[in-house]
């Protein structure tokens, strides 16, 4: 496997990189080729844009780049190399993974790393993905997202319909 490059944002010289997730924040990874759009399959993604998302805002935390990726058809350029495990390792700590497609074995590795994969049917801007995630957080999250939020320690301060309010 070729080298993995990580670009982390630094707020200033005093605080260093923003690697720790703030409490109440959902960490989201987006498969991308260009850092502008969700436009890649998991195996063929050259980059993953990693954002922290809350109801109010989203911030780019890190960009992870890979030199050696699978083809869109799932075939590796050279046999015998595991290109999936390094990607899963690089995404540990994320709660959601958005991609155009992901194969069964890759999805199983992602799920075992406590990351929920979400297949999106067609390319769209990263901003659209993040805004839709915020809308889900602000309104009534679907059951799968409530489970992810609970595992992430994100608590809901809003009254729910079940509370009788």
C-alpha atoms as a PDB file:
ATOM      1  CA  UNK A   1       0.000   0.000   0.000  1.00  0.00           C
ATOM      2  CA  UNK A   2       1.256   3.449  -0.857  1.00  0.00           C
ATOM      3  CA  UNK A   3       1.611   6.155   1.724  1.00  0.00           C
ATOM      4  CA  UNK A   4      -1.357   7.667   3.506  1.00  0.00           C
ATOM      5  CA  UNK A   5      -1.258  11.438   3.887  1.00  0.00           C
ATOM      6  CA  UNK A   6      -3.242  13.249   6.577  1.00  0.00           C
ATOM      7  CA  UNK A   7      -3.940  16.949   6.461  1.00  0.00           C
ATOM      8  CA  UNK A   8      -5.192  18.267   9.784  1.00  0.00           C
ATOM      9  CA  UNK A   9      -6.283  21.825  10.360  1.00  0.00           C
ATOM     10  CA  UNK A  10      -4.447  23.837  12.973  1.00  0.00           C
ATOM     11  CA  UNK A  11      -6.366  26.590  14.718  1.00  0.00           C
ATOM     12  CA  UNK A  12      -3.220  28.406  15.917  1.00  0.00           C
ATOM     13  CA  UNK A  13       0.243  27.662  17.283  1.00  0.00           C
ATOM     14  CA  UNK A  14      -1.048  27.380  20.849  1.00  0.00           C
ATOM     15  CA  UNK A  15      -3.865  24.856  20.404  1.00  0.00           C
ATOM     16  CA  UNK A  16      -2.370  22.551  17.755  1.00  0.00           C
ATOM     17  CA  UNK A  17      -4.405  20.236  15.495  1.00  0.00           C
ATOM     18  CA  UNK A  18      -8.151  19.783  16.081  1.00  0.00           C
ATOM     19  CA  UNK A  19      -8.037  16.001  16.324  1.00  0.00           C
ATOM     20  CA  UNK A  20     -10.318  15.387  19.306  1.00  0.00           C
ATOM     21  CA  UNK A  21     -14.042  15.431  18.688  1.00  0.00           C
ATOM     22  CA  UNK A  22     -15.954  17.865  20.848  1.00  0.00           C
ATOM     23  CA  UNK A  23     -18.769  16.330  22.958  1.00  0.00           C
ATOM     24  CA  UNK A  24     -22.119  16.419  21.179  1.00  0.00           C
ATOM     25  CA  UNK A  25     -20.495  16.358  17.734  1.00  0.00           C
ATOM     26  CA  UNK A  26     -21.000  13.824  14.964  1.00  0.00           C
ATOM     27  CA  UNK A  27     -17.835  13.016  12.990  1.00  0.00           C
ATOM     28  CA  UNK A  28     -18.597  12.442   9.302  1.00  0.00           C
ATOM     29  CA  UNK A  29     -16.318  11.075   6.558  1.00  0.00           C
ATOM     30  CA  UNK A  30     -17.082  11.763   2.895  1.00  0.00           C
ATOM     31  CA  UNK A  31     -15.501   9.813   0.007  1.00  0.00           C
ATOM     32  CA  UNK A  32     -14.193  12.315  -2.532  1.00  0.00           C
ATOM     33  CA  UNK A  33     -11.777  12.641  -5.401  1.00  0.00           C
ATOM     34  CA  UNK A  34     -11.594  16.461  -5.325  1.00  0.00           C
ATOM     35  CA  UNK A  35     -12.494  17.666  -1.778  1.00  0.00           C
ATOM     36  CA  UNK A  36     -15.533  19.465  -3.270  1.00  0.00           C
ATOM     37  CA  UNK A  37     -18.042  16.698  -3.930  1.00  0.00           C
ATOM     38  CA  UNK A  38     -19.096  13.326  -2.603  1.00  0.00           C
ATOM     39  CA  UNK A  39     -18.070  11.589  -5.835  1.00  0.00           C
ATOM     40  CA  UNK A  40     -16.254   8.348  -5.033  1.00  0.00           C
ATOM     41  CA  UNK A  41     -16.812   4.723  -4.172  1.00  0.00           C
ATOM     42  CA  UNK A  42     -15.237   3.699  -0.866  1.00  0.00           C
ATOM     43  CA  UNK A  43     -12.505   1.577  -2.471  1.00  0.00           C
ATOM     44  CA  UNK A  44     -11.628   4.083  -5.190  1.00  0.00           C
ATOM     45  CA  UNK A  45     -11.721   7.234  -3.048  1.00  0.00           C
ATOM     46  CA  UNK A  46      -8.406   9.047  -3.215  1.00  0.00           C
ATOM     47  CA  UNK A  47      -9.461  11.241  -0.304  1.00  0.00           C
ATOM     48  CA  UNK A  48     -11.841  11.373   2.612  1.00  0.00           C
ATOM     49  CA  UNK A  49     -12.998  14.749   3.892  1.00  0.00           C
ATOM     50  CA  UNK A  50     -13.679  14.451   7.616  1.00  0.00           C
ATOM     51  CA  UNK A  51     -16.028  16.942   9.253  1.00  0.00           C
ATOM     52  CA  UNK A  52     -17.400  17.519  12.719  1.00  0.00           C
ATOM     53  CA  UNK A  53     -21.121  18.242  12.438  1.00  0.00           C
ATOM     54  CA  UNK A  54     -23.547  19.688  14.976  1.00  0.00           C
ATOM     55  CA  UNK A  55     -27.066  21.069  14.540  1.00  0.00           C
ATOM     56  CA  UNK A  56     -25.610  24.564  14.175  1.00  0.00           C
ATOM     57  CA  UNK A  57     -22.356  24.162  12.245  1.00  0.00           C
ATOM     58  CA  UNK A  58     -19.901  21.905  10.468  1.00  0.00           C
ATOM     59  CA  UNK A  59     -16.125  22.173  10.325  1.00  0.00           C
ATOM     60  CA  UNK A  60     -13.502  20.384   8.272  1.00  0.00           C
ATOM     61  CA  UNK A  61     -11.291  18.507  10.713  1.00  0.00           C
ATOM     62  CA  UNK A  62      -9.032  16.512   8.438  1.00  0.00           C
ATOM     63  CA  UNK A  63      -8.439  15.346   4.879  1.00  0.00           C
ATOM     64  CA  UNK A  64      -6.980  11.873   4.450  1.00  0.00           C
ATOM     65  CA  UNK A  65      -5.390  11.029   1.079  1.00  0.00           C
ATOM     66  CA  UNK A  66      -4.431   7.649  -0.369  1.00  0.00           C
ATOM     67  CA  UNK A  67      -2.023   7.069  -3.254  1.00  0.00           C
ATOM     68  CA  UNK A  68      -3.073   3.516  -4.035  1.00  0.00           C
ATOM     69  CA  UNK A  69      -6.790   2.859  -4.556  1.00  0.00           C
ATOM     70  CA  UNK A  70      -9.110   0.343  -6.196  1.00  0.00           C
ATOM     71  CA  UNK A  71     -10.685   0.925  -9.578  1.00  0.00           C
ATOM     72  CA  UNK A  72     -14.363   1.935  -9.674  1.00  0.00           C
ATOM     73  CA  UNK A  73     -15.199  -1.656 -10.654  1.00  0.00           C
ATOM     74  CA  UNK A  74     -13.676  -2.910  -7.394  1.00  0.00           C
ATOM     75  CA  UNK A  75     -10.531  -4.377  -9.001  1.00  0.00           C
ATOM     76  CA  UNK A  76      -7.205  -3.557  -7.413  1.00  0.00           C
ATOM     77  CA  UNK A  77      -4.357  -2.434  -9.643  1.00  0.00           C
ATOM     78  CA  UNK A  78      -2.058  -5.084  -8.200  1.00  0.00           C
ATOM     79  CA  UNK A  79      -3.229  -8.216  -6.454  1.00  0.00           C
ATOM     80  CA  UNK A  80      -2.329  -9.192  -2.914  1.00  0.00           C
ATOM     81  CA  UNK A  81      -2.382  -5.750  -1.308  1.00  0.00           C
ATOM     82  CA  UNK A  82      -5.027  -4.863   1.249  1.00  0.00           C
ATOM     83  CA  UNK A  83      -6.223  -1.341   0.408  1.00  0.00           C
ATOM     84  CA  UNK A  84      -9.323  -1.478   2.591  1.00  0.00           C
ATOM     85  CA  UNK A  85      -7.859  -1.955   6.084  1.00  0.00           C
ATOM     86  CA  UNK A  86      -5.717   1.222   5.956  1.00  0.00           C
ATOM     87  CA  UNK A  87      -8.799   3.213   4.930  1.00  0.00           C
ATOM     88  CA  UNK A  88     -10.847   1.742   7.767  1.00  0.00           C
ATOM     89  CA  UNK A  89      -8.009   2.514  10.200  1.00  0.00           C
ATOM     90  CA  UNK A  90      -7.777   6.094   8.915  1.00  0.00           C
ATOM     91  CA  UNK A  91     -11.525   6.602   9.442  1.00  0.00           C
ATOM     92  CA  UNK A  92     -11.694   5.211  12.991  1.00  0.00           C
ATOM     93  CA  UNK A  93     -13.415   7.714  15.236  1.00  0.00           C
ATOM     94  CA  UNK A  94     -15.886   8.713  12.520  1.00  0.00           C
ATOM     95  CA  UNK A  95     -19.567   7.939  13.054  1.00  0.00           C
ATOM     96  CA  UNK A  96     -20.868   8.167   9.487  1.00  0.00           C
ATOM     97  CA  UNK A  97     -19.277   7.414   6.105  1.00  0.00           C
ATOM     98  CA  UNK A  98     -20.921   8.788   2.965  1.00  0.00           C
ATOM     99  CA  UNK A  99     -19.888   7.219  -0.370  1.00  0.00           C
ATOM    100  CA  UNK A 100     -21.360   6.371  -3.788  1.00  0.00           C
ATOM    101  CA  UNK A 101     -20.892   2.624  -3.270  1.00  0.00           C
ATOM    102  CA  UNK A 102     -19.204   0.166  -0.938  1.00  0.00           C
ATOM    103  CA  UNK A 103     -18.711  -3.565  -1.323  1.00  0.00           C
ATOM    104  CA  UNK A 104     -19.923  -6.107   1.223  1.00  0.00           C
ATOM    105  CA  UNK A 105     -16.518  -6.993   2.741  1.00  0.00           C
ATOM    106  CA  UNK A 106     -15.594  -3.292   3.007  1.00  0.00           C
ATOM    107  CA  UNK A 107     -18.949  -2.445   4.566  1.00  0.00           C
ATOM    108  CA  UNK A 108     -18.477  -5.225   7.127  1.00  0.00           C
ATOM    109  CA  UNK A 109     -15.068  -3.798   8.113  1.00  0.00           C
ATOM    110  CA  UNK A 110     -16.515  -0.280   8.353  1.00  0.00           C
ATOM    111  CA  UNK A 111     -19.430  -1.444  10.519  1.00  0.00           C
ATOM    112  CA  UNK A 112     -17.103  -3.439  12.792  1.00  0.00           C
ATOM    113  CA  UNK A 113     -15.149  -0.176  13.303  1.00  0.00           C
ATOM    114  CA  UNK A 114     -18.433   1.366  14.582  1.00  0.00           C
ATOM    115  CA  UNK A 115     -18.845   3.539  11.476  1.00  0.00           C
ATOM    116  CA  UNK A 116     -22.244   3.630   9.761  1.00  0.00           C
ATOM    117  CA  UNK A 117     -21.849   3.538   5.942  1.00  0.00           C
ATOM    118  CA  UNK A 118     -24.361   5.510   3.864  1.00  0.00           C
ATOM    119  CA  UNK A 119     -24.565   4.977   0.112  1.00  0.00           C
ATOM    120  CA  UNK A 120     -25.646   8.043  -1.851  1.00  0.00           C
ATOM    121  CA  UNK A 121     -27.131   7.280  -5.299  1.00  0.00           C
ATOM    122  CA  UNK A 122     -25.376  10.061  -7.226  1.00  0.00           C
ATOM    123  CA  UNK A 123     -22.606  12.622  -6.742  1.00  0.00           C
ATOM    124  CA  UNK A 124     -23.449  15.786  -4.831  1.00  0.00           C
ATOM    125  CA  UNK A 125     -21.556  18.595  -3.160  1.00  0.00           C
ATOM    126  CA  UNK A 126     -20.010  17.963   0.235  1.00  0.00           C
ATOM    127  CA  UNK A 127     -21.909  21.004   1.497  1.00  0.00           C
ATOM    128  CA  UNK A 128     -25.245  19.422   0.472  1.00  0.00           C
ATOM    129  CA  UNK A 129     -24.366  16.227   2.365  1.00  0.00           C
ATOM    130  CA  UNK A 130     -23.430  18.202   5.486  1.00  0.00           C
ATOM    131  CA  UNK A 131     -26.545  20.401   5.337  1.00  0.00           C
ATOM    132  CA  UNK A 132     -28.790  17.312   4.990  1.00  0.00           C
ATOM    133  CA  UNK A 133     -27.014  15.738   7.976  1.00  0.00           C
ATOM    134  CA  UNK A 134     -27.686  18.888  10.004  1.00  0.00           C
ATOM    135  CA  UNK A 135     -31.367  18.845   9.004  1.00  0.00           C
ATOM    136  CA  UNK A 136     -31.616  15.227  10.216  1.00  0.00           C
ATOM    137  CA  UNK A 137     -29.989  16.250  13.499  1.00  0.00           C
ATOM    138  CA  UNK A 138     -32.338  19.235  13.953  1.00  0.00           C
ATOM    139  CA  UNK A 139     -35.557  17.437  13.116  1.00  0.00           C
ATOM    140  CA  UNK A 140     -36.492  13.879  13.937  1.00  0.00           C
ATOM    141  CA  UNK A 141     -33.481  11.647  13.194  1.00  0.00           C
ATOM    142  CA  UNK A 142     -34.333   8.230  11.734  1.00  0.00           C
ATOM    143  CA  UNK A 143     -33.845   5.248  14.072  1.00  0.00           C
ATOM    144  CA  UNK A 144     -30.461   4.279  12.571  1.00  0.00           C
ATOM    145  CA  UNK A 145     -29.154   7.810  13.176  1.00  0.00           C
ATOM    146  CA  UNK A 146     -30.518   7.894  16.747  1.00  0.00           C
ATOM    147  CA  UNK A 147     -28.541   4.705  17.414  1.00  0.00           C
ATOM    148  CA  UNK A 148     -25.360   6.278  15.950  1.00  0.00           C
ATOM    149  CA  UNK A 149     -25.951   9.431  18.012  1.00  0.00           C
ATOM    150  CA  UNK A 150     -26.363   7.386  21.188  1.00  0.00           C
ATOM    151  CA  UNK A 151     -23.138   5.486  20.492  1.00  0.00           C
ATOM    152  CA  UNK A 152     -21.391   8.810  19.814  1.00  0.00           C
ATOM    153  CA  UNK A 153     -22.616  10.249  23.102  1.00  0.00           C
ATOM    154  CA  UNK A 154     -24.635  12.946  21.350  1.00  0.00           C
ATOM    155  CA  UNK A 155     -27.580  13.780  23.569  1.00  0.00           C
ATOM    156  CA  UNK A 156     -30.793  15.358  22.386  1.00  0.00           C
ATOM    157  CA  UNK A 157     -31.747  18.423  24.392  1.00  0.00           C
ATOM    158  CA  UNK A 158     -34.950  18.947  22.445  1.00  0.00           C
ATOM    159  CA  UNK A 159     -38.179  17.466  23.803  1.00  0.00           C
ATOM    160  CA  UNK A 160     -39.351  14.504  21.803  1.00  0.00           C
ATOM    161  CA  UNK A 161     -42.874  13.512  20.901  1.00  0.00           C
ATOM    162  CA  UNK A 162     -42.552  10.477  23.179  1.00  0.00           C
ATOM    163  CA  UNK A 163     -42.039  12.772  26.186  1.00  0.00           C
ATOM    164  CA  UNK A 164     -45.588  14.088  25.817  1.00  0.00           C
ATOM    165  CA  UNK A 165     -44.422  17.684  25.214  1.00  0.00           C
END
